[in-house]
Amino acid sequence: MDFRINGLPVAQFAPLFGLAEPKLTAQGVIRCVADHHPGFPCRVSLQDAAIGDPVLLLNYEHLSVRGPYRSRHAIYVREYAVESRPAVNQVPDVLRIRLMSVRAFDNGGMMMDADVVEGTGVDQLISRYLDNPQVAYLHLHNAKRGCFAARAERA
């Protein structure tokens, strides 16, 4: 099954770019500087920030459904990130180098299945889950820290 992995739209975060620390703090956002690589995976660019890049650490609701799986967690966004547009069936390196938790959801936001896989094998798991017509979309999470990483859908 062909798939496309999507990062988050930059428009959701652009109003935070360049804000002074007190304004970020008032919104529960922390600006930090990437001090190792890899280690600061941006959910917009789907790339790890380079050492020295400013990143925003914030809480993000990645599963806005009415039901028990509604979820939010901390994510990194590189300040002034450019949206990623991976090709069909392309898995960005930021996902390939990590242990991933893949969660399959139906249109009602109910979890249908889930598994953990090394990033090098995530494409096979994505295809297998999307072969199920009841699965509407997948959420990929960094398994070790549990953070939302990206969404995958049928291409």
N, C-alpha and C. Protein backbone atom coordinates (compact mmCIF):
# COMPACT_ATOMS: atom_id res chain seq x y z
N MET A 1 0.85 -1.18 0.00
CA MET A 1 0.00 0.00 0.00
C MET A 1 0.90 1.24 0.00
N ASP A 2 0.69 2.12 -0.95
CA ASP A 2 1.44 3.37 -1.01
C ASP A 2 1.00 4.31 0.11
N PHE A 3 1.96 5.03 0.66
CA PHE A 3 1.67 5.92 1.78
C PHE A 3 2.42 7.23 1.63
N ARG A 4 1.99 8.20 2.41
CA ARG A 4 2.70 9.48 2.50
C ARG A 4 2.80 9.83 3.99
N ILE A 5 3.99 10.22 4.39
CA ILE A 5 4.23 10.67 5.76
C ILE A 5 4.18 12.19 5.76
N ASN A 6 3.44 12.74 6.70
CA ASN A 6 3.26 14.19 6.78
C ASN A 6 3.80 14.74 8.09
N GLY A 7 4.54 15.84 7.98
CA GLY A 7 4.93 16.60 9.15
C GLY A 7 3.80 17.55 9.50
N LEU A 8 4.01 18.34 10.51
CA LEU A 8 3.00 19.30 10.94
C LEU A 8 3.11 20.59 10.12
N PRO A 9 2.00 21.27 9.90
CA PRO A 9 2.04 22.53 9.14
C PRO A 9 2.74 23.64 9.93
N VAL A 10 3.66 24.33 9.28
CA VAL A 10 4.43 25.39 9.93
C VAL A 10 3.52 26.52 10.41
N ALA A 11 2.40 26.74 9.74
CA ALA A 11 1.51 27.84 10.10
C ALA A 11 1.03 27.76 11.55
N GLN A 12 0.95 26.54 12.10
CA GLN A 12 0.52 26.38 13.49
C GLN A 12 1.54 26.95 14.47
N PHE A 13 2.80 27.01 14.05
CA PHE A 13 3.88 27.38 14.97
C PHE A 13 4.54 28.71 14.63
N ALA A 14 4.34 29.20 13.42
CA ALA A 14 4.99 30.43 12.97
C ALA A 14 4.76 31.61 13.92
N PRO A 15 3.58 31.76 14.54
CA PRO A 15 3.40 32.89 15.46
C PRO A 15 4.35 32.86 16.67
N LEU A 16 4.94 31.70 16.94
CA LEU A 16 5.88 31.59 18.07
C LEU A 16 7.30 31.97 17.68
N PHE A 17 7.61 31.92 16.39
CA PHE A 17 8.98 32.16 15.94
C PHE A 17 9.40 33.60 16.25
N GLY A 18 10.52 33.71 16.93
CA GLY A 18 11.07 35.02 17.24
C GLY A 18 10.47 35.71 18.45
N LEU A 19 9.51 35.09 19.10
CA LEU A 19 8.92 35.72 20.30
C LEU A 19 9.96 35.82 21.42
N ALA A 20 9.83 36.85 22.22
CA ALA A 20 10.69 37.02 23.38
C ALA A 20 10.37 35.93 24.41
N GLU A 21 11.36 35.61 25.22
CA GLU A 21 11.22 34.53 26.20
C GLU A 21 10.00 34.68 27.11
N PRO A 22 9.70 35.87 27.63
CA PRO A 22 8.52 35.98 28.51
C PRO A 22 7.22 35.60 27.80
N LYS A 23 7.10 35.95 26.52
CA LYS A 23 5.89 35.60 25.78
C LYS A 23 5.82 34.10 25.51
N LEU A 24 6.96 33.48 25.23
CA LEU A 24 6.98 32.02 25.07
C LEU A 24 6.62 31.34 26.38
N THR A 25 7.23 31.78 27.47
CA THR A 25 6.99 31.19 28.78
C THR A 25 5.51 31.28 29.15
N ALA A 26 4.88 32.40 28.84
CA ALA A 26 3.46 32.59 29.14
C ALA A 26 2.59 31.58 28.41
N GLN A 27 3.10 31.04 27.29
CA GLN A 27 2.36 30.05 26.51
C GLN A 27 2.84 28.63 26.78
N GLY A 28 3.73 28.48 27.76
CA GLY A 28 4.22 27.15 28.11
C GLY A 28 5.23 26.60 27.13
N VAL A 29 5.91 27.48 26.40
CA VAL A 29 6.88 27.08 25.38
C VAL A 29 8.28 27.41 25.87
N ILE A 30 9.22 26.50 25.62
CA ILE A 30 10.61 26.70 26.00
C ILE A 30 11.46 26.75 24.73
N ARG A 31 12.26 27.79 24.60
CA ARG A 31 13.24 27.86 23.51
C ARG A 31 14.54 27.27 24.04
N CYS A 32 15.11 26.37 23.29
CA CYS A 32 16.40 25.81 23.66
C CYS A 32 17.26 25.72 22.40
N VAL A 33 18.50 25.34 22.58
CA VAL A 33 19.44 25.23 21.46
C VAL A 33 19.87 23.78 21.38
N ALA A 34 19.80 23.22 20.18
CA ALA A 34 20.23 21.83 19.99
C ALA A 34 21.70 21.73 20.35
N ASP A 35 22.02 20.84 21.28
CA ASP A 35 23.40 20.70 21.72
C ASP A 35 24.01 19.34 21.35
N HIS A 36 23.23 18.52 20.66
CA HIS A 36 23.76 17.27 20.11
C HIS A 36 22.90 16.86 18.91
N HIS A 37 23.46 16.01 18.10
CA HIS A 37 22.77 15.58 16.86
C HIS A 37 23.04 14.10 16.65
N PRO A 38 22.01 13.30 16.42
CA PRO A 38 20.60 13.66 16.45
C PRO A 38 20.10 13.80 17.88
N GLY A 39 18.94 14.40 18.03
CA GLY A 39 18.39 14.52 19.37
C GLY A 39 17.27 15.53 19.50
N PHE A 40 17.08 16.36 18.49
CA PHE A 40 16.03 17.37 18.53
C PHE A 40 15.21 17.26 17.23
N PRO A 41 14.36 16.25 17.13
CA PRO A 41 13.62 16.00 15.89
C PRO A 41 12.47 16.99 15.69
N CYS A 42 12.54 17.76 14.61
CA CYS A 42 11.52 18.76 14.30
C CYS A 42 10.33 18.09 13.64
N ARG A 43 9.13 18.38 14.15
CA ARG A 43 7.91 17.77 13.62
C ARG A 43 7.38 18.49 12.38
N VAL A 44 7.95 19.62 12.03
CA VAL A 44 7.55 20.35 10.82
C VAL A 44 8.45 19.96 9.65
N SER A 45 9.77 20.07 9.85
CA SER A 45 10.72 19.78 8.77
C SER A 45 11.02 18.29 8.63
N LEU A 46 10.66 17.52 9.65
CA LEU A 46 10.99 16.08 9.71
C LEU A 46 12.49 15.86 9.52
N GLN A 47 13.25 16.72 10.23
CA GLN A 47 14.71 16.61 10.27
C GLN A 47 15.16 16.86 11.70
N ASP A 48 16.30 16.27 12.06
CA ASP A 48 16.89 16.61 13.35
C ASP A 48 17.54 17.98 13.24
N ALA A 49 17.37 18.80 14.26
CA ALA A 49 18.02 20.11 14.28
C ALA A 49 19.52 19.91 14.32
N ALA A 50 20.25 20.81 13.65
CA ALA A 50 21.70 20.82 13.71
C ALA A 50 22.15 21.41 15.04
N ILE A 51 23.34 21.05 15.47
CA ILE A 51 23.88 21.63 16.69
C ILE A 51 23.92 23.15 16.53
N GLY A 52 23.38 23.85 17.53
CA GLY A 52 23.32 25.31 17.50
C GLY A 52 22.00 25.86 17.02
N ASP A 53 21.15 25.02 16.42
CA ASP A 53 19.84 25.49 15.95
C ASP A 53 18.91 25.77 17.13
N PRO A 54 18.18 26.90 17.09
CA PRO A 54 17.16 27.12 18.11
C PRO A 54 15.93 26.26 17.82
N VAL A 55 15.41 25.65 18.86
CA VAL A 55 14.21 24.83 18.75
C VAL A 55 13.23 25.23 19.84
N LEU A 56 11.96 25.04 19.54
CA LEU A 56 10.91 25.30 20.52
C LEU A 56 10.41 23.97 21.03
N LEU A 57 10.32 23.85 22.34
CA LEU A 57 9.76 22.67 22.99
C LEU A 57 8.39 23.08 23.52
N LEU A 58 7.35 22.39 23.03
CA LEU A 58 6.00 22.78 23.40
C LEU A 58 5.10 21.56 23.47
N ASN A 59 3.98 21.76 24.11
CA ASN A 59 2.98 20.71 24.20
C ASN A 59 2.05 20.85 23.01
N TYR A 60 1.76 19.71 22.35
CA TYR A 60 0.98 19.75 21.12
C TYR A 60 -0.08 18.64 21.15
N GLU A 61 -1.30 18.99 20.80
CA GLU A 61 -2.37 17.99 20.72
C GLU A 61 -2.35 17.37 19.33
N HIS A 62 -1.80 16.18 19.25
CA HIS A 62 -1.62 15.52 17.96
C HIS A 62 -2.79 14.62 17.59
N LEU A 63 -3.64 14.31 18.52
CA LEU A 63 -4.80 13.47 18.23
C LEU A 63 -6.03 14.14 18.84
N SER A 64 -6.63 15.02 18.07
CA SER A 64 -7.77 15.82 18.52
C SER A 64 -9.06 15.09 18.19
N VAL A 65 -9.35 14.05 18.93
CA VAL A 65 -10.58 13.29 18.72
C VAL A 65 -11.40 13.32 19.99
N ARG A 66 -12.69 13.09 19.83
CA ARG A 66 -13.55 12.97 21.00
C ARG A 66 -13.56 11.50 21.38
N GLY A 67 -12.85 11.17 22.39
CA GLY A 67 -12.79 9.78 22.80
C GLY A 67 -11.57 9.50 23.64
N PRO A 68 -11.39 8.25 24.00
CA PRO A 68 -10.34 7.90 24.96
C PRO A 68 -8.92 8.05 24.44
N TYR A 69 -8.70 8.13 23.13
CA TYR A 69 -7.34 8.22 22.59
C TYR A 69 -6.89 9.65 22.32
N ARG A 70 -7.74 10.62 22.63
CA ARG A 70 -7.31 12.02 22.49
C ARG A 70 -5.98 12.16 23.20
N SER A 71 -5.03 12.86 22.55
CA SER A 71 -3.69 12.85 23.11
C SER A 71 -2.89 14.09 22.76
N ARG A 72 -2.02 14.45 23.69
CA ARG A 72 -1.07 15.56 23.48
C ARG A 72 0.22 15.21 24.21
N HIS A 73 1.30 15.78 23.71
CA HIS A 73 2.60 15.49 24.32
C HIS A 73 3.60 16.55 23.86
N ALA A 74 4.77 16.54 24.43
CA ALA A 74 5.82 17.48 24.07
C ALA A 74 6.40 17.15 22.69
N ILE A 75 6.67 18.20 21.92
CA ILE A 75 7.34 18.05 20.62
C ILE A 75 8.36 19.17 20.46
N TYR A 76 9.31 18.95 19.55
CA TYR A 76 10.25 19.99 19.14
C TYR A 76 9.84 20.52 17.77
N VAL A 77 10.00 21.81 17.60
CA VAL A 77 9.84 22.46 16.30
C VAL A 77 11.04 23.39 16.14
N ARG A 78 11.77 23.21 15.04
CA ARG A 78 12.89 24.13 14.77
C ARG A 78 12.32 25.51 14.49
N GLU A 79 12.92 26.51 15.11
CA GLU A 79 12.45 27.86 14.85
C GLU A 79 12.73 28.19 13.38
N TYR A 80 11.73 28.70 12.70
CA TYR A 80 11.77 29.04 11.27
C TYR A 80 11.88 27.79 10.39
N ALA A 81 11.31 26.70 10.85
CA ALA A 81 11.32 25.44 10.09
C ALA A 81 10.58 25.61 8.77
N VAL A 82 10.97 24.81 7.80
CA VAL A 82 10.30 24.73 6.51
C VAL A 82 9.59 23.38 6.45
N GLU A 83 8.33 23.40 6.03
CA GLU A 83 7.55 22.16 5.98
C GLU A 83 8.18 21.11 5.09
N SER A 84 8.12 19.89 5.57
CA SER A 84 8.60 18.74 4.82
C SER A 84 7.51 18.23 3.89
N ARG A 85 7.88 17.78 2.73
CA ARG A 85 6.96 17.17 1.77
C ARG A 85 7.58 15.88 1.25
N PRO A 86 7.67 14.84 2.10
CA PRO A 86 8.26 13.59 1.63
C PRO A 86 7.50 13.01 0.44
N ALA A 87 8.22 12.36 -0.42
CA ALA A 87 7.62 11.70 -1.58
C ALA A 87 6.80 10.50 -1.12
N VAL A 88 5.96 9.99 -1.99
CA VAL A 88 5.19 8.78 -1.71
C VAL A 88 6.17 7.67 -1.34
N ASN A 89 5.87 6.97 -0.27
CA ASN A 89 6.63 5.83 0.26
C ASN A 89 8.01 6.22 0.81
N GLN A 90 8.30 7.50 0.95
CA GLN A 90 9.57 7.95 1.50
C GLN A 90 9.45 8.07 3.02
N VAL A 91 10.43 7.49 3.72
CA VAL A 91 10.51 7.61 5.17
C VAL A 91 11.69 8.52 5.49
N PRO A 92 11.45 9.69 6.05
CA PRO A 92 12.55 10.61 6.37
C PRO A 92 13.53 9.97 7.36
N ASP A 93 14.80 10.37 7.23
CA ASP A 93 15.85 9.82 8.09
C ASP A 93 15.56 10.02 9.57
N VAL A 94 14.89 11.13 9.93
CA VAL A 94 14.58 11.40 11.33
C VAL A 94 13.75 10.26 11.94
N LEU A 95 13.00 9.54 11.10
CA LEU A 95 12.22 8.39 11.57
C LEU A 95 13.00 7.09 11.42
N ARG A 96 13.78 6.97 10.38
CA ARG A 96 14.53 5.74 10.11
C ARG A 96 15.56 5.41 11.18
N ILE A 97 16.09 6.44 11.86
CA ILE A 97 17.18 6.19 12.83
C ILE A 97 16.67 5.95 14.24
N ARG A 98 15.36 5.90 14.41
CA ARG A 98 14.80 5.75 15.75
C ARG A 98 13.92 4.51 15.86
N LEU A 99 13.74 4.04 17.07
CA LEU A 99 12.75 3.03 17.37
C LEU A 99 11.39 3.72 17.35
N MET A 100 10.47 3.20 16.53
CA MET A 100 9.19 3.88 16.33
C MET A 100 8.03 3.04 16.88
N SER A 101 7.06 3.72 17.43
CA SER A 101 5.78 3.13 17.79
C SER A 101 4.80 3.58 16.72
N VAL A 102 4.15 2.64 16.08
CA VAL A 102 3.19 2.96 15.01
C VAL A 102 1.81 2.56 15.51
N ARG A 103 0.88 3.52 15.45
CA ARG A 103 -0.47 3.32 15.97
C ARG A 103 -1.48 3.56 14.86
N ALA A 104 -2.34 2.59 14.63
CA ALA A 104 -3.35 2.65 13.56
C ALA A 104 -4.69 3.06 14.15
N PHE A 105 -5.35 4.05 13.50
CA PHE A 105 -6.62 4.57 13.98
C PHE A 105 -7.68 4.49 12.89
N ASP A 106 -8.93 4.32 13.32
CA ASP A 106 -10.05 4.38 12.37
C ASP A 106 -10.55 5.82 12.28
N ASN A 107 -11.56 6.06 11.47
CA ASN A 107 -12.09 7.41 11.28
C ASN A 107 -12.66 8.02 12.56
N GLY A 108 -13.04 7.19 13.51
CA GLY A 108 -13.59 7.69 14.76
C GLY A 108 -12.55 7.95 15.82
N GLY A 109 -11.27 7.76 15.47
CA GLY A 109 -10.20 8.00 16.44
C GLY A 109 -9.96 6.85 17.40
N MET A 110 -10.50 5.67 17.07
CA MET A 110 -10.25 4.49 17.91
C MET A 110 -9.02 3.75 17.39
N MET A 111 -8.16 3.34 18.32
CA MET A 111 -6.96 2.61 17.95
C MET A 111 -7.33 1.20 17.49
N MET A 112 -6.86 0.86 16.31
CA MET A 112 -7.16 -0.45 15.72
C MET A 112 -6.02 -1.45 15.96
N ASP A 113 -4.80 -0.94 16.00
CA ASP A 113 -3.63 -1.79 16.15
C ASP A 113 -2.44 -0.91 16.51
N ALA A 114 -1.37 -1.52 16.98
CA ALA A 114 -0.15 -0.78 17.30
C ALA A 114 1.00 -1.76 17.42
N ASP A 115 2.19 -1.26 17.11
CA ASP A 115 3.39 -2.09 17.25
C ASP A 115 4.60 -1.17 17.33
N VAL A 116 5.71 -1.75 17.74
CA VAL A 116 6.98 -1.04 17.82
C VAL A 116 7.92 -1.68 16.80
N VAL A 117 8.66 -0.83 16.08
CA VAL A 117 9.54 -1.33 15.03
C VAL A 117 10.75 -0.41 14.90
N GLU A 118 11.88 -0.98 14.55
CA GLU A 118 13.03 -0.14 14.22
C GLU A 118 12.66 0.71 13.02
N GLY A 119 13.14 1.93 12.98
CA GLY A 119 12.80 2.84 11.90
C GLY A 119 13.13 2.32 10.52
N THR A 120 14.12 1.45 10.43
CA THR A 120 14.49 0.88 9.13
C THR A 120 13.40 -0.03 8.57
N GLY A 121 12.48 -0.47 9.40
CA GLY A 121 11.40 -1.34 8.96
C GLY A 121 10.02 -0.70 9.04
N VAL A 122 9.99 0.61 9.31
CA VAL A 122 8.71 1.27 9.51
C VAL A 122 7.86 1.28 8.25
N ASP A 123 8.48 1.34 7.07
CA ASP A 123 7.69 1.38 5.84
C ASP A 123 6.87 0.12 5.63
N GLN A 124 7.41 -1.04 5.99
CA GLN A 124 6.66 -2.29 5.86
C GLN A 124 5.46 -2.32 6.80
N LEU A 125 5.66 -1.83 8.03
CA LEU A 125 4.55 -1.81 8.99
C LEU A 125 3.47 -0.81 8.56
N ILE A 126 3.88 0.33 8.06
CA ILE A 126 2.92 1.31 7.56
C ILE A 126 2.07 0.69 6.46
N SER A 127 2.73 0.07 5.50
CA SER A 127 2.00 -0.54 4.37
C SER A 127 1.05 -1.62 4.86
N ARG A 128 1.51 -2.43 5.79
CA ARG A 128 0.65 -3.51 6.30
C ARG A 128 -0.59 -2.95 6.99
N TYR A 129 -0.41 -1.95 7.84
CA TYR A 129 -1.57 -1.37 8.53
C TYR A 129 -2.53 -0.70 7.55
N LEU A 130 -2.00 0.01 6.56
CA LEU A 130 -2.87 0.70 5.61
C LEU A 130 -3.55 -0.24 4.63
N ASP A 131 -3.11 -1.49 4.57
CA ASP A 131 -3.82 -2.50 3.76
C ASP A 131 -5.19 -2.81 4.36
N ASN A 132 -5.36 -2.54 5.65
CA ASN A 132 -6.64 -2.76 6.32
C ASN A 132 -7.56 -1.59 5.98
N PRO A 133 -8.67 -1.81 5.28
CA PRO A 133 -9.54 -0.71 4.88
C PRO A 133 -10.18 0.02 6.06
N GLN A 134 -10.21 -0.57 7.23
CA GLN A 134 -10.79 0.10 8.40
C GLN A 134 -9.83 1.11 9.02
N VAL A 135 -8.55 1.02 8.67
CA VAL A 135 -7.57 1.96 9.20
C VAL A 135 -7.61 3.22 8.35
N ALA A 136 -7.82 4.37 9.01
CA ALA A 136 -7.91 5.65 8.31
C ALA A 136 -6.56 6.37 8.23
N TYR A 137 -5.75 6.25 9.29
CA TYR A 137 -4.46 6.93 9.34
C TYR A 137 -3.61 6.30 10.44
N LEU A 138 -2.33 6.64 10.41
CA LEU A 138 -1.39 6.13 11.40
C LEU A 138 -0.69 7.29 12.08
N HIS A 139 -0.39 7.11 13.35
CA HIS A 139 0.47 8.05 14.06
C HIS A 139 1.76 7.33 14.37
N LEU A 140 2.86 8.00 14.08
CA LEU A 140 4.18 7.48 14.39
C LEU A 140 4.72 8.26 15.58
N HIS A 141 5.23 7.53 16.55
CA HIS A 141 5.78 8.13 17.77
C HIS A 141 7.19 7.62 17.97
N ASN A 142 8.03 8.46 18.56
CA ASN A 142 9.34 8.00 19.00
C ASN A 142 9.09 7.10 20.20
N ALA A 143 9.43 5.84 20.07
CA ALA A 143 9.05 4.86 21.09
C ALA A 143 9.73 5.12 22.43
N LYS A 144 10.96 5.56 22.43
CA LYS A 144 11.67 5.71 23.70
C LYS A 144 11.13 6.84 24.55
N ARG A 145 10.74 7.94 23.95
CA ARG A 145 10.21 9.07 24.73
C ARG A 145 8.70 9.23 24.53
N GLY A 146 8.14 8.51 23.60
CA GLY A 146 6.70 8.52 23.41
C GLY A 146 6.16 9.72 22.65
N CYS A 147 7.03 10.58 22.16
CA CYS A 147 6.60 11.81 21.49
C CYS A 147 6.04 11.54 20.10
N PHE A 148 4.98 12.26 19.75
CA PHE A 148 4.44 12.21 18.39
C PHE A 148 5.52 12.63 17.41
N ALA A 149 5.65 11.88 16.32
CA ALA A 149 6.68 12.18 15.33
C ALA A 149 6.09 12.62 13.99
N ALA A 150 5.05 11.93 13.52
CA ALA A 150 4.49 12.24 12.20
C ALA A 150 3.20 11.44 12.02
N ARG A 151 2.49 11.76 10.95
CA ARG A 151 1.28 11.06 10.58
C ARG A 151 1.50 10.41 9.22
N ALA A 152 0.95 9.22 9.03
CA ALA A 152 1.04 8.54 7.73
C ALA A 152 -0.38 8.22 7.26
N GLU A 153 -0.59 8.40 5.95
CA GLU A 153 -1.89 8.14 5.32
C GLU A 153 -1.68 7.46 3.97
N ARG A 154 -2.74 6.93 3.42
CA ARG A 154 -2.66 6.37 2.08
C ARG A 154 -2.32 7.49 1.09
N ALA A 155 -1.46 7.16 0.13
CA ALA A 155 -1.08 8.15 -0.89
C ALA A 155 -2.19 8.25 -1.94
